[in-house]
């Protein structure tokens, strides 16, 4: 799945597609956005474990609808699963 999302970086500027599914459109910035969202969730989870505090990541794309083998519902990676 990561390789499929990474491949969106090869799209020309300004071009969007629905190649991965009918819910999510992709552009050459899709991987960057999805990666930042995952990184924020992973970092937040790590900080919570370090301090035993609660946390909440407000990120886009949100991630909670993504499956292990395909994006869904505007989500590319399941950020919570990756963070766990």
PDB file of N, CA and C in Angstrom:
ATOM      1  N   UNK A   1       0.823  -1.186   0.000  1.00  0.00           N
ATOM      2  CA  UNK A   1       0.000   0.000   0.000  1.00  0.00           C
ATOM      3  C   UNK A   1       0.869   1.252   0.000  1.00  0.00           C
ATOM      4  N   UNK A   2       1.930   1.220   0.782  1.00  0.00           N
ATOM      5  CA  UNK A   2       2.833   2.377   0.838  1.00  0.00           C
ATOM      6  C   UNK A   2       3.385   2.664  -0.553  1.00  0.00           C
ATOM      7  N   UNK A   3       3.775   1.631  -1.266  1.00  0.00           N
ATOM      8  CA  UNK A   3       4.318   1.827  -2.617  1.00  0.00           C
ATOM      9  C   UNK A   3       3.279   2.440  -3.558  1.00  0.00           C
ATOM     10  N   UNK A   4       2.024   2.016  -3.442  1.00  0.00           N
ATOM     11  CA  UNK A   4       0.961   2.590  -4.283  1.00  0.00           C
ATOM     12  C   UNK A   4       0.791   4.082  -4.001  1.00  0.00           C
ATOM     13  N   UNK A   5       0.801   4.450  -2.722  1.00  0.00           N
ATOM     14  CA  UNK A   5       0.629   5.859  -2.364  1.00  0.00           C
ATOM     15  C   UNK A   5       1.873   6.651  -2.759  1.00  0.00           C
ATOM     16  N   UNK A   6       3.047   6.070  -2.584  1.00  0.00           N
ATOM     17  CA  UNK A   6       4.284   6.749  -2.993  1.00  0.00           C
ATOM     18  C   UNK A   6       4.287   7.036  -4.491  1.00  0.00           C
ATOM     19  N   UNK A   7       3.703   6.140  -5.269  1.00  0.00           N
ATOM     20  CA  UNK A   7       3.685   6.299  -6.727  1.00  0.00           C
ATOM     21  C   UNK A   7       2.909   7.532  -7.167  1.00  0.00           C
ATOM     22  N   UNK A   8       2.029   8.044  -6.319  1.00  0.00           N
ATOM     23  CA  UNK A   8       1.271   9.242  -6.685  1.00  0.00           C
ATOM     24  C   UNK A   8       2.186  10.457  -6.834  1.00  0.00           C
ATOM     25  N   UNK A   9       3.383  10.390  -6.257  1.00  0.00           N
ATOM     26  CA  UNK A   9       4.333  11.504  -6.384  1.00  0.00           C
ATOM     27  C   UNK A   9       4.750  11.741  -7.837  1.00  0.00           C
ATOM     28  N   UNK A  10       4.551  10.730  -8.685  1.00  0.00           N
ATOM     29  CA  UNK A  10       4.937  10.829 -10.091  1.00  0.00           C
ATOM     30  C   UNK A  10       3.896  11.528 -10.955  1.00  0.00           C
ATOM     31  N   UNK A  11       2.734  11.844 -10.390  1.00  0.00           N
ATOM     32  CA  UNK A  11       1.711  12.555 -11.171  1.00  0.00           C
ATOM     33  C   UNK A  11       2.197  13.973 -11.494  1.00  0.00           C
ATOM     34  N   UNK A  12       1.871  14.487 -12.659  1.00  0.00           N
ATOM     35  CA  UNK A  12       2.257  15.861 -12.993  1.00  0.00           C
ATOM     36  C   UNK A  12       1.545  16.869 -12.079  1.00  0.00           C
ATOM     37  N   UNK A  13       2.155  18.021 -11.890  1.00  0.00           N
ATOM     38  CA  UNK A  13       1.536  19.088 -11.100  1.00  0.00           C
ATOM     39  C   UNK A  13       0.152  19.404 -11.639  1.00  0.00           C
ATOM     40  N   UNK A  14      -0.804  19.542 -10.734  1.00  0.00           N
ATOM     41  CA  UNK A  14      -2.160  19.921 -11.121  1.00  0.00           C
ATOM     42  C   UNK A  14      -3.038  18.782 -11.579  1.00  0.00           C
ATOM     43  N   UNK A  15      -2.489  17.583 -11.694  1.00  0.00           N
ATOM     44  CA  UNK A  15      -3.268  16.430 -12.150  1.00  0.00           C
ATOM     45  C   UNK A  15      -3.764  15.653 -10.940  1.00  0.00           C
ATOM     46  N   UNK A  16      -5.043  15.309 -10.953  1.00  0.00           N
ATOM     47  CA  UNK A  16      -5.614  14.440  -9.922  1.00  0.00           C
ATOM     48  C   UNK A  16      -6.251  13.239 -10.603  1.00  0.00           C
ATOM     49  N   UNK A  17      -6.259  12.118  -9.890  1.00  0.00           N
ATOM     50  CA  UNK A  17      -6.869  10.897 -10.414  1.00  0.00           C
ATOM     51  C   UNK A  17      -7.686  10.237  -9.316  1.00  0.00           C
ATOM     52  N   UNK A  18      -8.510   9.300  -9.713  1.00  0.00           N
ATOM     53  CA  UNK A  18      -9.225   8.426  -8.785  1.00  0.00           C
ATOM     54  C   UNK A  18      -8.759   6.998  -9.032  1.00  0.00           C
ATOM     55  N   UNK A  19      -7.477   6.814  -9.256  1.00  0.00           N
ATOM     56  CA  UNK A  19      -6.933   5.506  -9.622  1.00  0.00           C
ATOM     57  C   UNK A  19      -6.977   4.500  -8.475  1.00  0.00           C
ATOM     58  N   UNK A  20      -6.876   4.953  -7.228  1.00  0.00           N
ATOM     59  CA  UNK A  20      -6.824   4.030  -6.091  1.00  0.00           C
ATOM     60  C   UNK A  20      -8.207   3.575  -5.636  1.00  0.00           C
ATOM     61  N   UNK A  21      -9.182   4.458  -5.694  1.00  0.00           N
ATOM     62  CA  UNK A  21     -10.585   4.100  -5.444  1.00  0.00           C
ATOM     63  C   UNK A  21     -11.468   5.289  -5.796  1.00  0.00           C
ATOM     64  N   UNK A  22     -12.783   5.094  -5.696  1.00  0.00           N
ATOM     65  CA  UNK A  22     -13.707   6.157  -6.107  1.00  0.00           C
ATOM     66  C   UNK A  22     -13.907   7.225  -5.035  1.00  0.00           C
ATOM     67  N   UNK A  23     -13.445   7.005  -3.810  1.00  0.00           N
ATOM     68  CA  UNK A  23     -13.586   7.988  -2.725  1.00  0.00           C
ATOM     69  C   UNK A  23     -12.442   8.995  -2.685  1.00  0.00           C
ATOM     70  N   UNK A  24     -11.255   8.515  -2.943  1.00  0.00           N
ATOM     71  CA  UNK A  24     -10.047   9.309  -2.735  1.00  0.00           C
ATOM     72  C   UNK A  24      -9.468   9.751  -4.066  1.00  0.00           C
ATOM     73  N   UNK A  25      -9.264  11.031  -4.228  1.00  0.00           N
ATOM     74  CA  UNK A  25      -8.503  11.457  -5.402  1.00  0.00           C
ATOM     75  C   UNK A  25      -7.064  11.667  -4.976  1.00  0.00           C
ATOM     76  N   UNK A  26      -6.167  11.451  -5.919  1.00  0.00           N
ATOM     77  CA  UNK A  26      -4.743  11.534  -5.643  1.00  0.00           C
ATOM     78  C   UNK A  26      -4.111  12.643  -6.477  1.00  0.00           C
ATOM     79  N   UNK A  27      -3.084  13.246  -5.898  1.00  0.00           N
ATOM     80  CA  UNK A  27      -2.251  14.192  -6.632  1.00  0.00           C
ATOM     81  C   UNK A  27      -0.804  13.889  -6.265  1.00  0.00           C
ATOM     82  N   UNK A  28       0.112  14.669  -6.809  1.00  0.00           N
ATOM     83  CA  UNK A  28       1.514  14.420  -6.489  1.00  0.00           C
ATOM     84  C   UNK A  28       1.886  14.843  -5.070  1.00  0.00           C
ATOM     85  N   UNK A  29       0.954  15.388  -4.323  1.00  0.00           N
ATOM     86  CA  UNK A  29       1.182  15.765  -2.918  1.00  0.00           C
ATOM     87  C   UNK A  29       0.503  14.787  -1.951  1.00  0.00           C
ATOM     88  N   UNK A  30      -0.170  13.779  -2.471  1.00  0.00           N
ATOM     89  CA  UNK A  30      -0.908  12.835  -1.633  1.00  0.00           C
ATOM     90  C   UNK A  30       0.012  12.110  -0.653  1.00  0.00           C
ATOM     91  N   UNK A  31       1.115  11.561  -1.128  1.00  0.00           N
ATOM     92  CA  UNK A  31       2.005  10.823  -0.237  1.00  0.00           C
ATOM     93  C   UNK A  31       2.549  11.733   0.857  1.00  0.00           C
ATOM     94  N   UNK A  32       2.948  12.927   0.490  1.00  0.00           N
ATOM     95  CA  UNK A  32       3.479  13.873   1.479  1.00  0.00           C
ATOM     96  C   UNK A  32       2.436  14.157   2.568  1.00  0.00           C
ATOM     97  N   UNK A  33       1.211  14.417   2.178  1.00  0.00           N
ATOM     98  CA  UNK A  33       0.149  14.708   3.151  1.00  0.00           C
ATOM     99  C   UNK A  33      -0.136  13.493   4.033  1.00  0.00           C
ATOM    100  N   UNK A  34      -0.234  12.323   3.429  1.00  0.00           N
ATOM    101  CA  UNK A  34      -0.514  11.109   4.192  1.00  0.00           C
ATOM    102  C   UNK A  34       0.628  10.800   5.153  1.00  0.00           C
ATOM    103  N   UNK A  35       1.857  11.022   4.715  1.00  0.00           N
ATOM    104  CA  UNK A  35       3.025  10.762   5.561  1.00  0.00           C
ATOM    105  C   UNK A  35       3.069  11.711   6.751  1.00  0.00           C
ATOM    106  N   UNK A  36       2.796  12.977   6.534  1.00  0.00           N
ATOM    107  CA  UNK A  36       2.783  13.942   7.638  1.00  0.00           C
ATOM    108  C   UNK A  36       1.712  13.547   8.662  1.00  0.00           C
ATOM    109  N   UNK A  37       0.541  13.122   8.187  1.00  0.00           N
ATOM    110  CA  UNK A  37      -0.533  12.715   9.095  1.00  0.00           C
ATOM    111  C   UNK A  37      -0.125  11.493   9.915  1.00  0.00           C
ATOM    112  N   UNK A  38       0.481  10.495   9.269  1.00  0.00           N
ATOM    113  CA  UNK A  38       0.946   9.312   9.989  1.00  0.00           C
ATOM    114  C   UNK A  38       2.035   9.691  10.994  1.00  0.00           C
ATOM    115  N   UNK A  39       2.984  10.503  10.561  1.00  0.00           N
ATOM    116  CA  UNK A  39       4.069  10.921  11.457  1.00  0.00           C
ATOM    117  C   UNK A  39       3.532  11.644  12.688  1.00  0.00           C
ATOM    118  N   UNK A  40       2.524  12.482  12.517  1.00  0.00           N
ATOM    119  CA  UNK A  40       1.938  13.200  13.647  1.00  0.00           C
ATOM    120  C   UNK A  40       1.307  12.228  14.633  1.00  0.00           C
ATOM    121  N   UNK A  41       0.620  11.226  14.133  1.00  0.00           N
ATOM    122  CA  UNK A  41      -0.012  10.243  15.016  1.00  0.00           C
ATOM    123  C   UNK A  41       1.018   9.386  15.737  1.00  0.00           C
ATOM    124  N   UNK A  42       2.042   8.956  15.035  1.00  0.00           N
ATOM    125  CA  UNK A  42       3.106   8.152  15.652  1.00  0.00           C
ATOM    126  C   UNK A  42       3.831   8.971  16.718  1.00  0.00           C
ATOM    127  N   UNK A  43       4.163  10.215  16.396  1.00  0.00           N
ATOM    128  CA  UNK A  43       4.835  11.090  17.363  1.00  0.00           C
ATOM    129  C   UNK A  43       3.945  11.344  18.572  1.00  0.00           C
ATOM    130  N   UNK A  44       2.669  11.610  18.338  1.00  0.00           N
ATOM    131  CA  UNK A  44       1.744  11.838  19.432  1.00  0.00           C
ATOM    132  C   UNK A  44       1.626  10.627  20.338  1.00  0.00           C
ATOM    133  N   UNK A  45       1.533   9.447  19.765  1.00  0.00           N
ATOM    134  CA  UNK A  45       1.436   8.225  20.569  1.00  0.00           C
ATOM    135  C   UNK A  45       2.704   8.028  21.395  1.00  0.00           C
ATOM    136  N   UNK A  46       3.841   8.280  20.781  1.00  0.00           N
ATOM    137  CA  UNK A  46       5.112   8.139  21.511  1.00  0.00           C
ATOM    138  C   UNK A  46       5.185   9.118  22.676  1.00  0.00           C
ATOM    139  N   UNK A  47       4.764  10.341  22.454  1.00  0.00           N
ATOM    140  CA  UNK A  47       4.781  11.352  23.524  1.00  0.00           C
ATOM    141  C   UNK A  47       3.832  10.965  24.660  1.00  0.00           C
ATOM    142  N   UNK A  48       2.676  10.416  24.295  1.00  0.00           N
ATOM    143  CA  UNK A  48       1.724   9.967  25.321  1.00  0.00           C
ATOM    144  C   UNK A  48       2.320   8.840  26.163  1.00  0.00           C
ATOM    145  N   UNK A  49       2.995   7.907  25.507  1.00  0.00           N
ATOM    146  CA  UNK A  49       3.610   6.800  26.244  1.00  0.00           C
ATOM    147  C   UNK A  49       4.737   7.282  27.150  1.00  0.00           C
ATOM    148  N   UNK A  50       5.489   8.277  26.689  1.00  0.00           N
ATOM    149  CA  UNK A  50       6.592   8.814  27.488  1.00  0.00           C
ATOM    150  C   UNK A  50       6.086   9.504  28.755  1.00  0.00           C
ATOM    151  N   UNK A  51       4.996  10.243  28.633  1.00  0.00           N
ATOM    152  CA  UNK A  51       4.527  11.052  29.752  1.00  0.00           C
ATOM    153  C   UNK A  51       3.279  10.486  30.432  1.00  0.00           C
ATOM    154  N   UNK A  52       2.744   9.409  29.884  1.00  0.00           N
ATOM    155  CA  UNK A  52       1.500   8.817  30.376  1.00  0.00           C
ATOM    156  C   UNK A  52       0.351   9.820  30.345  1.00  0.00           C
ATOM    157  N   UNK A  53       0.408  10.728  29.391  1.00  0.00           N
ATOM    158  CA  UNK A  53      -0.638  11.733  29.200  1.00  0.00           C
ATOM    159  C   UNK A  53      -1.519  11.313  28.032  1.00  0.00           C
ATOM    160  N   UNK A  54      -2.662  11.933  27.917  1.00  0.00           N
ATOM    161  CA  UNK A  54      -3.566  11.678  26.801  1.00  0.00           C
ATOM    162  C   UNK A  54      -3.202  12.597  25.644  1.00  0.00           C
ATOM    163  N   UNK A  55      -3.559  12.206  24.456  1.00  0.00           N
ATOM    164  CA  UNK A  55      -3.281  13.033  23.287  1.00  0.00           C
ATOM    165  C   UNK A  55      -4.346  12.845  22.233  1.00  0.00           C
ATOM    166  N   UNK A  56      -4.345  13.755  21.283  1.00  0.00           N
ATOM    167  CA  UNK A  56      -5.309  13.714  20.189  1.00  0.00           C
ATOM    168  C   UNK A  56      -4.648  14.347  18.979  1.00  0.00           C
ATOM    169  N   UNK A  57      -4.661  13.665  17.862  1.00  0.00           N
ATOM    170  CA  UNK A  57      -4.056  14.199  16.644  1.00  0.00           C
ATOM    171  C   UNK A  57      -5.160  14.631  15.679  1.00  0.00           C
ATOM    172  N   UNK A  58      -5.198  15.899  15.379  1.00  0.00           N
ATOM    173  CA  UNK A  58      -6.151  16.411  14.397  1.00  0.00           C
ATOM    174  C   UNK A  58      -5.384  16.543  13.086  1.00  0.00           C
ATOM    175  N   UNK A  59      -5.581  15.571  12.206  1.00  0.00           N
ATOM    176  CA  UNK A  59      -4.787  15.500  10.985  1.00  0.00           C
ATOM    177  C   UNK A  59      -5.680  15.290   9.776  1.00  0.00           C
ATOM    178  N   UNK A  60      -5.172  15.685   8.631  1.00  0.00           N
ATOM    179  CA  UNK A  60      -5.801  15.429   7.348  1.00  0.00           C
ATOM    180  C   UNK A  60      -4.744  14.900   6.412  1.00  0.00           C
ATOM    181  N   UNK A  61      -4.915  13.792   5.763  1.00  0.00           N
ATOM    182  CA  UNK A  61      -6.085  12.927   5.809  1.00  0.00           C
ATOM    183  C   UNK A  61      -6.185  12.199   7.149  1.00  0.00           C
ATOM    184  N   UNK A  62      -7.432  11.942   7.603  1.00  0.00           N
ATOM    185  CA  UNK A  62      -7.637  11.416   8.940  1.00  0.00           C
ATOM    186  C   UNK A  62      -7.126   9.988   9.157  1.00  0.00           C
ATOM    187  N   UNK A  63      -7.347   9.115   8.217  1.00  0.00           N
ATOM    188  CA  UNK A  63      -6.764   7.784   8.297  1.00  0.00           C
ATOM    189  C   UNK A  63      -7.649   6.676   8.816  1.00  0.00           C
ATOM    190  N   UNK A  64      -8.694   6.965   9.549  1.00  0.00           N
ATOM    191  CA  UNK A  64      -9.431   5.903  10.227  1.00  0.00           C
ATOM    192  C   UNK A  64     -10.260   4.996   9.314  1.00  0.00           C
ATOM    193  N   UNK A  65     -10.489   5.364   8.088  1.00  0.00           N
ATOM    194  CA  UNK A  65     -11.249   4.505   7.170  1.00  0.00           C
ATOM    195  C   UNK A  65     -10.365   3.613   6.303  1.00  0.00           C
ATOM    196  N   UNK A  66      -9.080   3.879   6.276  1.00  0.00           N
ATOM    197  CA  UNK A  66      -8.185   3.129   5.401  1.00  0.00           C
ATOM    198  C   UNK A  66      -8.050   1.677   5.855  1.00  0.00           C
ATOM    199  N   UNK A  67      -7.972   0.795   4.897  1.00  0.00           N
ATOM    200  CA  UNK A  67      -7.753  -0.624   5.158  1.00  0.00           C
ATOM    201  C   UNK A  67      -6.277  -0.934   4.948  1.00  0.00           C
ATOM    202  N   UNK A  68      -5.874  -2.130   5.288  1.00  0.00           N
ATOM    203  CA  UNK A  68      -4.460  -2.466   5.129  1.00  0.00           C
ATOM    204  C   UNK A  68      -4.051  -2.576   3.664  1.00  0.00           C
ATOM    205  N   UNK A  69      -5.022  -2.818   2.782  1.00  0.00           N
ATOM    206  CA  UNK A  69      -4.682  -3.034   1.387  1.00  0.00           C
ATOM    207  C   UNK A  69      -5.315  -2.045   0.411  1.00  0.00           C
ATOM    208  N   UNK A  70      -6.109  -1.092   0.906  1.00  0.00           N
ATOM    209  CA  UNK A  70      -6.637  -0.049   0.018  1.00  0.00           C
ATOM    210  C   UNK A  70      -7.119   1.147   0.828  1.00  0.00           C
ATOM    211  N   UNK A  71      -6.995   2.334   0.237  1.00  0.00           N
ATOM    212  CA  UNK A  71      -7.490   3.537   0.903  1.00  0.00           C
ATOM    213  C   UNK A  71      -9.012   3.582   0.811  1.00  0.00           C
ATOM    214  N   UNK A  72      -9.629   4.324   1.708  1.00  0.00           N
ATOM    215  CA  UNK A  72     -11.083   4.407   1.703  1.00  0.00           C
ATOM    216  C   UNK A  72     -11.515   5.640   2.479  1.00  0.00           C
ATOM    217  N   UNK A  73     -12.647   6.189   2.108  1.00  0.00           N
ATOM    218  CA  UNK A  73     -13.240   7.282   2.865  1.00  0.00           C
ATOM    219  C   UNK A  73     -12.327   8.467   3.077  1.00  0.00           C
ATOM    220  N   UNK A  74     -11.598   8.850   2.056  1.00  0.00           N
ATOM    221  CA  UNK A  74     -10.669   9.986   2.092  1.00  0.00           C
ATOM    222  C   UNK A  74      -9.417   9.707   2.931  1.00  0.00           C
ATOM    223  N   UNK A  75      -9.199   8.470   3.317  1.00  0.00           N
ATOM    224  CA  UNK A  75      -8.047   8.088   4.136  1.00  0.00           C
ATOM    225  C   UNK A  75      -7.105   7.219   3.305  1.00  0.00           C
ATOM    226  N   UNK A  76      -5.804   7.439   3.454  1.00  0.00           N
ATOM    227  CA  UNK A  76      -4.815   6.681   2.696  1.00  0.00           C
ATOM    228  C   UNK A  76      -4.104   5.640   3.543  1.00  0.00           C
ATOM    229  N   UNK A  77      -3.663   6.005   4.726  1.00  0.00           N
ATOM    230  CA  UNK A  77      -3.065   5.071   5.678  1.00  0.00           C
ATOM    231  C   UNK A  77      -3.913   5.083   6.935  1.00  0.00           C
ATOM    232  N   UNK A  78      -4.033   3.952   7.608  1.00  0.00           N
ATOM    233  CA  UNK A  78      -4.752   3.931   8.876  1.00  0.00           C
ATOM    234  C   UNK A  78      -3.798   4.392   9.960  1.00  0.00           C
ATOM    235  N   UNK A  79      -3.825   5.693  10.225  1.00  0.00           N
ATOM    236  CA  UNK A  79      -2.861   6.332  11.110  1.00  0.00           C
ATOM    237  C   UNK A  79      -2.839   5.726  12.514  1.00  0.00           C
ATOM    238  N   UNK A  80      -4.000   5.385  13.046  1.00  0.00           N
ATOM    239  CA  UNK A  80      -4.069   4.828  14.397  1.00  0.00           C
ATOM    240  C   UNK A  80      -3.419   3.441  14.417  1.00  0.00           C
ATOM    241  N   UNK A  81      -3.689   2.631  13.411  1.00  0.00           N
ATOM    242  CA  UNK A  81      -3.073   1.301  13.355  1.00  0.00           C
ATOM    243  C   UNK A  81      -1.560   1.421  13.234  1.00  0.00           C
ATOM    244  N   UNK A  82      -1.089   2.327  12.417  1.00  0.00           N
ATOM    245  CA  UNK A  82       0.359   2.514  12.277  1.00  0.00           C
ATOM    246  C   UNK A  82       0.954   2.989  13.597  1.00  0.00           C
ATOM    247  N   UNK A  83       0.306   3.922  14.260  1.00  0.00           N
ATOM    248  CA  UNK A  83       0.809   4.436  15.532  1.00  0.00           C
ATOM    249  C   UNK A  83       0.840   3.347  16.598  1.00  0.00           C
ATOM    250  N   UNK A  84      -0.171   2.478  16.582  1.00  0.00           N
ATOM    251  CA  UNK A  84      -0.217   1.385  17.564  1.00  0.00           C
ATOM    252  C   UNK A  84       0.924   0.413  17.326  1.00  0.00           C
TER     253      UNK A  84
END
